[in-house]
PDB file of all heavy atoms in Angstrom:
ATOM      1  N   SER A   1      96.836  95.102 111.399  1.00  0.00           N
ATOM      2  CA  SER A   1      97.887  96.067 111.251  1.00  0.00           C
ATOM      3  C   SER A   1      99.246  95.486 110.707  1.00  0.00           C
ATOM      4  O   SER A   1      99.842  96.075 109.860  1.00  0.00           O
ATOM      5  CB  SER A   1      98.219  96.805 112.572  1.00  0.00           C
ATOM      6  OG  SER A   1      98.621  95.855 113.567  1.00  0.00           O
ATOM      7  N   ALA A   2      99.516  94.230 111.094  1.00  0.00           N
ATOM      8  CA  ALA A   2     100.758  93.624 110.576  1.00  0.00           C
ATOM      9  C   ALA A   2     100.721  93.468 109.040  1.00  0.00           C
ATOM     10  O   ALA A   2     101.732  93.714 108.377  1.00  0.00           O
ATOM     11  CB  ALA A   2     100.980  92.226 111.196  1.00  0.00           C
ATOM     12  N   GLY A   3      99.552  93.163 108.509  1.00  0.00           N
ATOM     13  CA  GLY A   3      99.377  93.062 107.081  1.00  0.00           C
ATOM     14  C   GLY A   3      99.524  94.378 106.346  1.00  0.00           C
ATOM     15  O   GLY A   3     100.179  94.485 105.292  1.00  0.00           O
ATOM     16  N   VAL A   4      98.919  95.439 106.955  1.00  0.00           N
ATOM     17  CA  VAL A   4      99.035  96.772 106.363  1.00  0.00           C
ATOM     18  C   VAL A   4     100.540  97.227 106.369  1.00  0.00           C
ATOM     19  O   VAL A   4     101.035  97.737 105.355  1.00  0.00           O
ATOM     20  CB  VAL A   4      98.229  97.788 107.077  1.00  0.00           C
ATOM     21  CG1 VAL A   4      98.404  99.199 106.543  1.00  0.00           C
ATOM     22  CG2 VAL A   4      96.721  97.351 106.942  1.00  0.00           C
ATOM     23  N   LEU A   5     101.184  97.052 107.482  1.00  0.00           N
ATOM     24  CA  LEU A   5     102.606  97.441 107.598  1.00  0.00           C
ATOM     25  C   LEU A   5     103.442  96.739 106.573  1.00  0.00           C
ATOM     26  O   LEU A   5     104.361  97.355 105.931  1.00  0.00           O
ATOM     27  CB  LEU A   5     103.114  97.115 108.975  1.00  0.00           C
ATOM     28  CG  LEU A   5     102.561  97.946 110.148  1.00  0.00           C
ATOM     29  CD1 LEU A   5     102.968  97.383 111.475  1.00  0.00           C
ATOM     30  CD2 LEU A   5     102.950  99.416 110.052  1.00  0.00           C
ATOM     31  N   LYS A   6     103.169  95.462 106.305  1.00  0.00           N
ATOM     32  CA  LYS A   6     103.970  94.734 105.302  1.00  0.00           C
ATOM     33  C   LYS A   6     103.726  95.305 103.904  1.00  0.00           C
ATOM     34  O   LYS A   6     104.685  95.472 103.134  1.00  0.00           O
ATOM     35  CB  LYS A   6     103.631  93.268 105.338  1.00  0.00           C
ATOM     36  CG  LYS A   6     104.142  92.558 106.597  1.00  0.00           C
ATOM     37  CD  LYS A   6     103.616  91.095 106.611  1.00  0.00           C
ATOM     38  CE  LYS A   6     103.743  90.570 108.020  1.00  0.00           C
ATOM     39  NZ  LYS A   6     103.327  89.090 108.037  1.00  0.00           N
ATOM     40  N   LYS A   7     102.486  95.602 103.607  1.00  0.00           N
ATOM     41  CA  LYS A   7     102.185  96.112 102.206  1.00  0.00           C
ATOM     42  C   LYS A   7     102.810  97.459 101.995  1.00  0.00           C
ATOM     43  O   LYS A   7     103.320  97.727 100.895  1.00  0.00           O
ATOM     44  CB  LYS A   7     100.660  96.221 102.048  1.00  0.00           C
ATOM     45  CG  LYS A   7      99.928  94.839 101.942  1.00  0.00           C
ATOM     46  CD  LYS A   7     100.422  94.038 100.782  1.00  0.00           C
ATOM     47  CE  LYS A   7      99.670  92.698 100.654  1.00  0.00           C
ATOM     48  NZ  LYS A   7     100.214  91.876  99.558  1.00  0.00           N
ATOM     49  N   VAL A   8     102.734  98.335 103.008  1.00  0.00           N
ATOM     50  CA  VAL A   8     103.291  99.662 102.851  1.00  0.00           C
ATOM     51  C   VAL A   8     104.861  99.588 102.848  1.00  0.00           C
ATOM     52  O   VAL A   8     105.516 100.284 102.108  1.00  0.00           O
ATOM     53  CB  VAL A   8     102.784 100.595 103.979  1.00  0.00           C
ATOM     54  CG1 VAL A   8     103.392 102.015 103.838  1.00  0.00           C
ATOM     55  CG2 VAL A   8     101.249 100.721 103.874  1.00  0.00           C
ATOM     56  N   ALA A   9     105.411  98.802 103.703  1.00  0.00           N
ATOM     57  CA  ALA A   9     106.862  98.572 103.721  1.00  0.00           C
ATOM     58  C   ALA A   9     107.349  98.130 102.335  1.00  0.00           C
ATOM     59  O   ALA A   9     108.384  98.610 101.884  1.00  0.00           O
ATOM     60  CB  ALA A   9     107.254  97.644 104.819  1.00  0.00           C
ATOM     61  N   GLU A  10     106.622  97.240 101.712  1.00  0.00           N
ATOM     62  CA  GLU A  10     107.020  96.713 100.432  1.00  0.00           C
ATOM     63  C   GLU A  10     107.029  97.802  99.394  1.00  0.00           C
ATOM     64  O   GLU A  10     107.931  97.873  98.489  1.00  0.00           O
ATOM     65  CB  GLU A  10     106.030  95.608  99.969  1.00  0.00           C
ATOM     66  CG  GLU A  10     106.410  94.922  98.711  1.00  0.00           C
ATOM     67  CD  GLU A  10     105.490  93.743  98.445  1.00  0.00           C
ATOM     68  OE1 GLU A  10     105.288  92.898  99.352  1.00  0.00           O
ATOM     69  OE2 GLU A  10     104.991  93.610  97.310  1.00  0.00           O
ATOM     70  N   GLN A  11     106.085  98.770  99.470  1.00  0.00           N
ATOM     71  CA  GLN A  11     106.092  99.914  98.568  1.00  0.00           C
ATOM     72  C   GLN A  11     107.275 100.801  98.854  1.00  0.00           C
ATOM     73  O   GLN A  11     107.809 101.355  97.857  1.00  0.00           O
ATOM     74  CB  GLN A  11     104.796 100.692  98.783  1.00  0.00           C
ATOM     75  CG  GLN A  11     103.532  99.992  98.253  1.00  0.00           C
ATOM     76  CD  GLN A  11     103.640  99.732  96.727  1.00  0.00           C
ATOM     77  OE1 GLN A  11     104.126 100.618  95.959  1.00  0.00           O
ATOM     78  NE2 GLN A  11     103.247  98.545  96.328  1.00  0.00           N
ATOM     79  N   ARG A  12     107.694 100.856 100.020  1.00  0.00           N
ATOM     80  CA  ARG A  12     108.811 101.758 100.365  1.00  0.00           C
ATOM     81  C   ARG A  12     110.170 101.258  99.856  1.00  0.00           C
ATOM     82  O   ARG A  12     110.974 102.029  99.383  1.00  0.00           O
ATOM     83  CB  ARG A  12     108.881 102.065 101.902  1.00  0.00           C
ATOM     84  CG  ARG A  12     107.774 102.922 102.347  1.00  0.00           C
ATOM     85  CD  ARG A  12     108.261 103.981 103.293  1.00  0.00           C
ATOM     86  NE  ARG A  12     109.318 104.817 102.680  1.00  0.00           N
ATOM     87  CZ  ARG A  12     110.167 105.583 103.343  1.00  0.00           C
ATOM     88  NH1 ARG A  12     110.037 105.654 104.658  1.00  0.00           N
ATOM     89  NH2 ARG A  12     111.136 106.300 102.719  1.00  0.00           N
ATOM     90  N   HIS A  13     110.401  99.928  99.983  1.00  0.00           N
ATOM     91  CA  HIS A  13     111.754  99.434  99.730  1.00  0.00           C
ATOM     92  C   HIS A  13     111.802  98.404  98.593  1.00  0.00           C
ATOM     93  O   HIS A  13     112.859  98.062  98.136  1.00  0.00           O
ATOM     94  CB  HIS A  13     112.489  98.928 100.940  1.00  0.00           C
ATOM     95  CG  HIS A  13     111.762  97.896 101.731  1.00  0.00           C
ATOM     96  ND1 HIS A  13     111.188  96.759 101.235  1.00  0.00           N
ATOM     97  CD2 HIS A  13     111.483  97.848 103.065  1.00  0.00           C
ATOM     98  CE1 HIS A  13     110.588  96.090 102.175  1.00  0.00           C
ATOM     99  NE2 HIS A  13     110.752  96.676 103.324  1.00  0.00           N
ATOM    100  N   GLY A  14     110.661  97.877  98.149  1.00  0.00           N
ATOM    101  CA  GLY A  14     110.630  97.021  97.032  1.00  0.00           C
ATOM    102  C   GLY A  14     110.876  95.567  97.296  1.00  0.00           C
ATOM    103  O   GLY A  14     110.790  94.719  96.431  1.00  0.00           O
ATOM    104  N   HIS A  15     111.200  95.218  98.599  1.00  0.00           N
ATOM    105  CA  HIS A  15     111.346  93.817  98.893  1.00  0.00           C
ATOM    106  C   HIS A  15     110.014  93.121  99.180  1.00  0.00           C
ATOM    107  O   HIS A  15     109.170  93.710  99.866  1.00  0.00           O
ATOM    108  CB  HIS A  15     112.220  93.660 100.118  1.00  0.00           C
ATOM    109  CG  HIS A  15     113.583  94.303  99.980  1.00  0.00           C
ATOM    110  ND1 HIS A  15     114.511  93.832  99.050  1.00  0.00           N
ATOM    111  CD2 HIS A  15     114.148  95.382 100.625  1.00  0.00           C
ATOM    112  CE1 HIS A  15     115.576  94.567  99.130  1.00  0.00           C
ATOM    113  NE2 HIS A  15     115.412  95.524  99.996  1.00  0.00           N
ATOM    114  N   PRO A  16     109.757  91.940  98.701  1.00  0.00           N
ATOM    115  CA  PRO A  16     108.465  91.298  98.962  1.00  0.00           C
ATOM    116  C   PRO A  16     108.271  90.984 100.400  1.00  0.00           C
ATOM    117  O   PRO A  16     109.229  90.370 101.043  1.00  0.00           O
ATOM    118  CB  PRO A  16     108.527  90.025  98.108  1.00  0.00           C
ATOM    119  CG  PRO A  16     110.013  89.715  97.964  1.00  0.00           C
ATOM    120  CD  PRO A  16     110.693  91.066  97.877  1.00  0.00           C
ATOM    121  N   MET A  17     107.150  91.359 100.951  1.00  0.00           N
ATOM    122  CA  MET A  17     106.895  91.172 102.390  1.00  0.00           C
ATOM    123  C   MET A  17     105.807  90.141 102.701  1.00  0.00           C
ATOM    124  O   MET A  17     105.482  89.920 103.862  1.00  0.00           O
ATOM    125  CB  MET A  17     106.545  92.583 103.030  1.00  0.00           C
ATOM    126  CG  MET A  17     107.663  93.510 103.011  1.00  0.00           C
ATOM    127  SD  MET A  17     109.128  93.033 103.995  1.00  0.00           S
ATOM    128  CE  MET A  17     108.522  93.002 105.611  1.00  0.00           C
ATOM    129  N   GLY A  18     105.291  89.496 101.645  1.00  0.00           N
ATOM    130  CA  GLY A  18     104.435  88.384 101.844  1.00  0.00           C
ATOM    131  C   GLY A  18     103.080  88.758 102.543  1.00  0.00           C
ATOM    132  O   GLY A  18     102.539  89.832 102.358  1.00  0.00           O
ATOM    133  N   THR A  19     102.623  87.838 103.298  1.00  0.00           N
ATOM    134  CA  THR A  19     101.306  87.922 103.892  1.00  0.00           C
ATOM    135  C   THR A  19     101.404  87.729 105.424  1.00  0.00           C
ATOM    136  O   THR A  19     102.482  87.659 106.006  1.00  0.00           O
ATOM    137  CB  THR A  19     100.356  86.868 103.242  1.00  0.00           C
ATOM    138  OG1 THR A  19      99.043  87.116 103.744  1.00  0.00           O
ATOM    139  CG2 THR A  19     100.799  85.499 103.552  1.00  0.00           C
ATOM    140  N   VAL A  20     100.239  87.645 106.072  1.00  0.00           N
ATOM    141  CA  VAL A  20     100.175  87.338 107.483  1.00  0.00           C
ATOM    142  C   VAL A  20      99.831  85.868 107.649  1.00  0.00           C
ATOM    143  O   VAL A  20      99.391  85.195 106.749  1.00  0.00           O
ATOM    144  CB  VAL A  20      99.107  88.207 108.188  1.00  0.00           C
ATOM    145  CG1 VAL A  20      99.540  89.685 108.225  1.00  0.00           C
ATOM    146  CG2 VAL A  20      97.723  88.007 107.524  1.00  0.00           C
ATOM    147  N   ARG A  21     100.104  85.383 108.857  1.00  0.00           N
ATOM    148  CA  ARG A  21      99.780  83.966 109.147  1.00  0.00           C
ATOM    149  C   ARG A  21      98.437  83.887 109.906  1.00  0.00           C
ATOM    150  O   ARG A  21      98.214  84.661 110.832  1.00  0.00           O
ATOM    151  CB  ARG A  21     100.906  83.384 110.030  1.00  0.00           C
ATOM    152  CG  ARG A  21     100.740  81.881 110.375  1.00  0.00           C
ATOM    153  CD  ARG A  21     101.998  81.298 111.096  1.00  0.00           C
ATOM    154  NE  ARG A  21     103.023  80.856 110.115  1.00  0.00           N
ATOM    155  CZ  ARG A  21     104.208  80.329 110.440  1.00  0.00           C
ATOM    156  NH1 ARG A  21     104.511  80.242 111.750  1.00  0.00           N
ATOM    157  NH2 ARG A  21     105.003  79.895 109.588  1.00  0.00           N
ATOM    158  N   PRO A  22      97.537  83.003 109.469  1.00  0.00           N
ATOM    159  CA  PRO A  22      96.291  82.871 110.203  1.00  0.00           C
ATOM    160  C   PRO A  22      96.514  82.571 111.667  1.00  0.00           C
ATOM    161  O   PRO A  22      97.542  81.919 112.046  1.00  0.00           O
ATOM    162  CB  PRO A  22      95.647  81.612 109.481  1.00  0.00           C
ATOM    163  CG  PRO A  22      96.230  81.617 108.141  1.00  0.00           C
ATOM    164  CD  PRO A  22      97.601  82.115 108.340  1.00  0.00           C
ATOM    165  N   PRO A  23      95.660  83.058 112.586  1.00  0.00           N
ATOM    166  CA  PRO A  23      94.311  83.540 112.242  1.00  0.00           C
ATOM    167  C   PRO A  23      94.213  85.006 111.789  1.00  0.00           C
ATOM    168  O   PRO A  23      93.052  85.496 111.604  1.00  0.00           O
ATOM    169  CB  PRO A  23      93.612  83.418 113.646  1.00  0.00           C
ATOM    170  CG  PRO A  23      94.678  83.652 114.618  1.00  0.00           C
ATOM    171  CD  PRO A  23      95.936  83.045 114.005  1.00  0.00           C
ATOM    172  N   LEU A  24      95.260  85.745 111.611  1.00  0.00           N
ATOM    173  CA  LEU A  24      95.176  87.044 111.002  1.00  0.00           C
ATOM    174  C   LEU A  24      94.723  86.931 109.537  1.00  0.00           C
ATOM    175  O   LEU A  24      95.003  85.922 108.923  1.00  0.00           O
ATOM    176  CB  LEU A  24      96.466  87.844 111.153  1.00  0.00           C
ATOM    177  CG  LEU A  24      96.909  88.146 112.526  1.00  0.00           C
ATOM    178  CD1 LEU A  24      98.146  89.041 112.451  1.00  0.00           C
ATOM    179  CD2 LEU A  24      95.868  88.820 113.359  1.00  0.00           C
ATOM    180  N   SER A  25      94.035  87.960 109.066  1.00  0.00           N
ATOM    181  CA  SER A  25      93.537  87.946 107.665  1.00  0.00           C
ATOM    182  C   SER A  25      94.388  88.852 106.827  1.00  0.00           C
ATOM    183  O   SER A  25      94.803  89.962 107.243  1.00  0.00           O
ATOM    184  CB  SER A  25      92.095  88.450 107.637  1.00  0.00           C
ATOM    185  OG  SER A  25      91.233  87.586 108.414  1.00  0.00           O
ATOM    186  N   PRO A  26      94.696  88.458 105.594  1.00  0.00           N
ATOM    187  CA  PRO A  26      95.481  89.285 104.647  1.00  0.00           C
ATOM    188  C   PRO A  26      94.721  90.597 104.344  1.00  0.00           C
ATOM    189  O   PRO A  26      93.500  90.671 104.391  1.00  0.00           O
ATOM    190  CB  PRO A  26      95.638  88.409 103.436  1.00  0.00           C
ATOM    191  CG  PRO A  26      94.506  87.474 103.496  1.00  0.00           C
ATOM    192  CD  PRO A  26      94.192  87.192 104.919  1.00  0.00           C
ATOM    193  N   VAL A  27      95.508  91.594 103.954  1.00  0.00           N
ATOM    194  CA  VAL A  27      94.942  92.802 103.505  1.00  0.00           C
ATOM    195  C   VAL A  27      94.117  92.593 102.200  1.00  0.00           C
ATOM    196  O   VAL A  27      94.692  91.848 101.311  1.00  0.00           O
ATOM    197  CB  VAL A  27      96.070  93.855 103.306  1.00  0.00           C
ATOM    198  CG1 VAL A  27      95.457  95.140 102.714  1.00  0.00           C
ATOM    199  CG2 VAL A  27      96.761  94.110 104.618  1.00  0.00           C
ATOM    200  N   PRO A  28      92.934  93.102 102.098  1.00  0.00           N
ATOM    201  CA  PRO A  28      92.102  92.845 100.876  1.00  0.00           C
ATOM    202  C   PRO A  28      92.735  93.492  99.667  1.00  0.00           C
ATOM    203  O   PRO A  28      93.449  94.483  99.762  1.00  0.00           O
ATOM    204  CB  PRO A  28      90.764  93.433 101.231  1.00  0.00           C
ATOM    205  CG  PRO A  28      91.033  94.485 102.292  1.00  0.00           C
ATOM    206  CD  PRO A  28      92.148  93.919 103.120  1.00  0.00           C
ATOM    207  N   PRO A  29      92.401  92.979  98.469  1.00  0.00           N
ATOM    208  CA  PRO A  29      92.989  93.526  97.262  1.00  0.00           C
ATOM    209  C   PRO A  29      92.575  94.989  96.969  1.00  0.00           C
ATOM    210  O   PRO A  29      93.310  95.674  96.243  1.00  0.00           O
ATOM    211  CB  PRO A  29      92.407  92.599  96.194  1.00  0.00           C
ATOM    212  CG  PRO A  29      91.984  91.368  96.855  1.00  0.00           C
ATOM    213  CD  PRO A  29      91.625  91.804  98.252  1.00  0.00           C
ATOM    214  N   THR A  30      91.565  95.414  97.660  1.00  0.00           N
ATOM    215  CA  THR A  30      91.113  96.831  97.444  1.00  0.00           C
ATOM    216  C   THR A  30      92.006  97.885  98.179  1.00  0.00           C
ATOM    217  O   THR A  30      91.941  99.044  97.911  1.00  0.00           O
ATOM    218  CB  THR A  30      89.692  96.968  97.952  1.00  0.00           C
ATOM    219  OG1 THR A  30      89.618  96.556  99.344  1.00  0.00           O
ATOM    220  CG2 THR A  30      88.722  96.160  97.079  1.00  0.00           C
ATOM    221  N   PHE A  31      92.880  97.335  99.043  1.00  0.00           N
ATOM    222  CA  PHE A  31      93.748  98.316  99.795  1.00  0.00           C
ATOM    223  C   PHE A  31      94.792  98.875  98.831  1.00  0.00           C
ATOM    224  O   PHE A  31      95.509  98.181  98.120  1.00  0.00           O
ATOM    225  CB  PHE A  31      94.450  97.581 100.943  1.00  0.00           C
ATOM    226  CG  PHE A  31      95.417  98.439 101.733  1.00  0.00           C
ATOM    227  CD1 PHE A  31      94.925  99.411 102.554  1.00  0.00           C
ATOM    228  CD2 PHE A  31      96.754  98.253 101.579  1.00  0.00           C
ATOM    229  CE1 PHE A  31      95.782 100.174 103.351  1.00  0.00           C
ATOM    230  CE2 PHE A  31      97.686  99.059 102.289  1.00  0.00           C
ATOM    231  CZ  PHE A  31      97.160 100.038 103.172  1.00  0.00           C
ATOM    232  N   ASP A  32      94.900 100.169  98.806  1.00  0.00           N
ATOM    233  CA  ASP A  32      95.778 100.913  97.922  1.00  0.00           C
ATOM    234  C   ASP A  32      97.110 101.166  98.661  1.00  0.00           C
ATOM    235  O   ASP A  32      97.250 102.230  99.323  1.00  0.00           O
ATOM    236  CB  ASP A  32      95.187 102.202  97.443  1.00  0.00           C
ATOM    237  CG  ASP A  32      95.919 102.847  96.292  1.00  0.00           C
ATOM    238  OD1 ASP A  32      97.123 102.547  96.133  1.00  0.00           O
ATOM    239  OD2 ASP A  32      95.325 103.738  95.640  1.00  0.00           O
TER     240      ASP A  32
END
């Protein structure tokens, strides 16, 4: 969820939100 929240937040405000830190996995490229 942390990765999804960052990707969606980035769409809302335009600031780069980066990725998650392992052991969490980044959101896959297929996520719209």
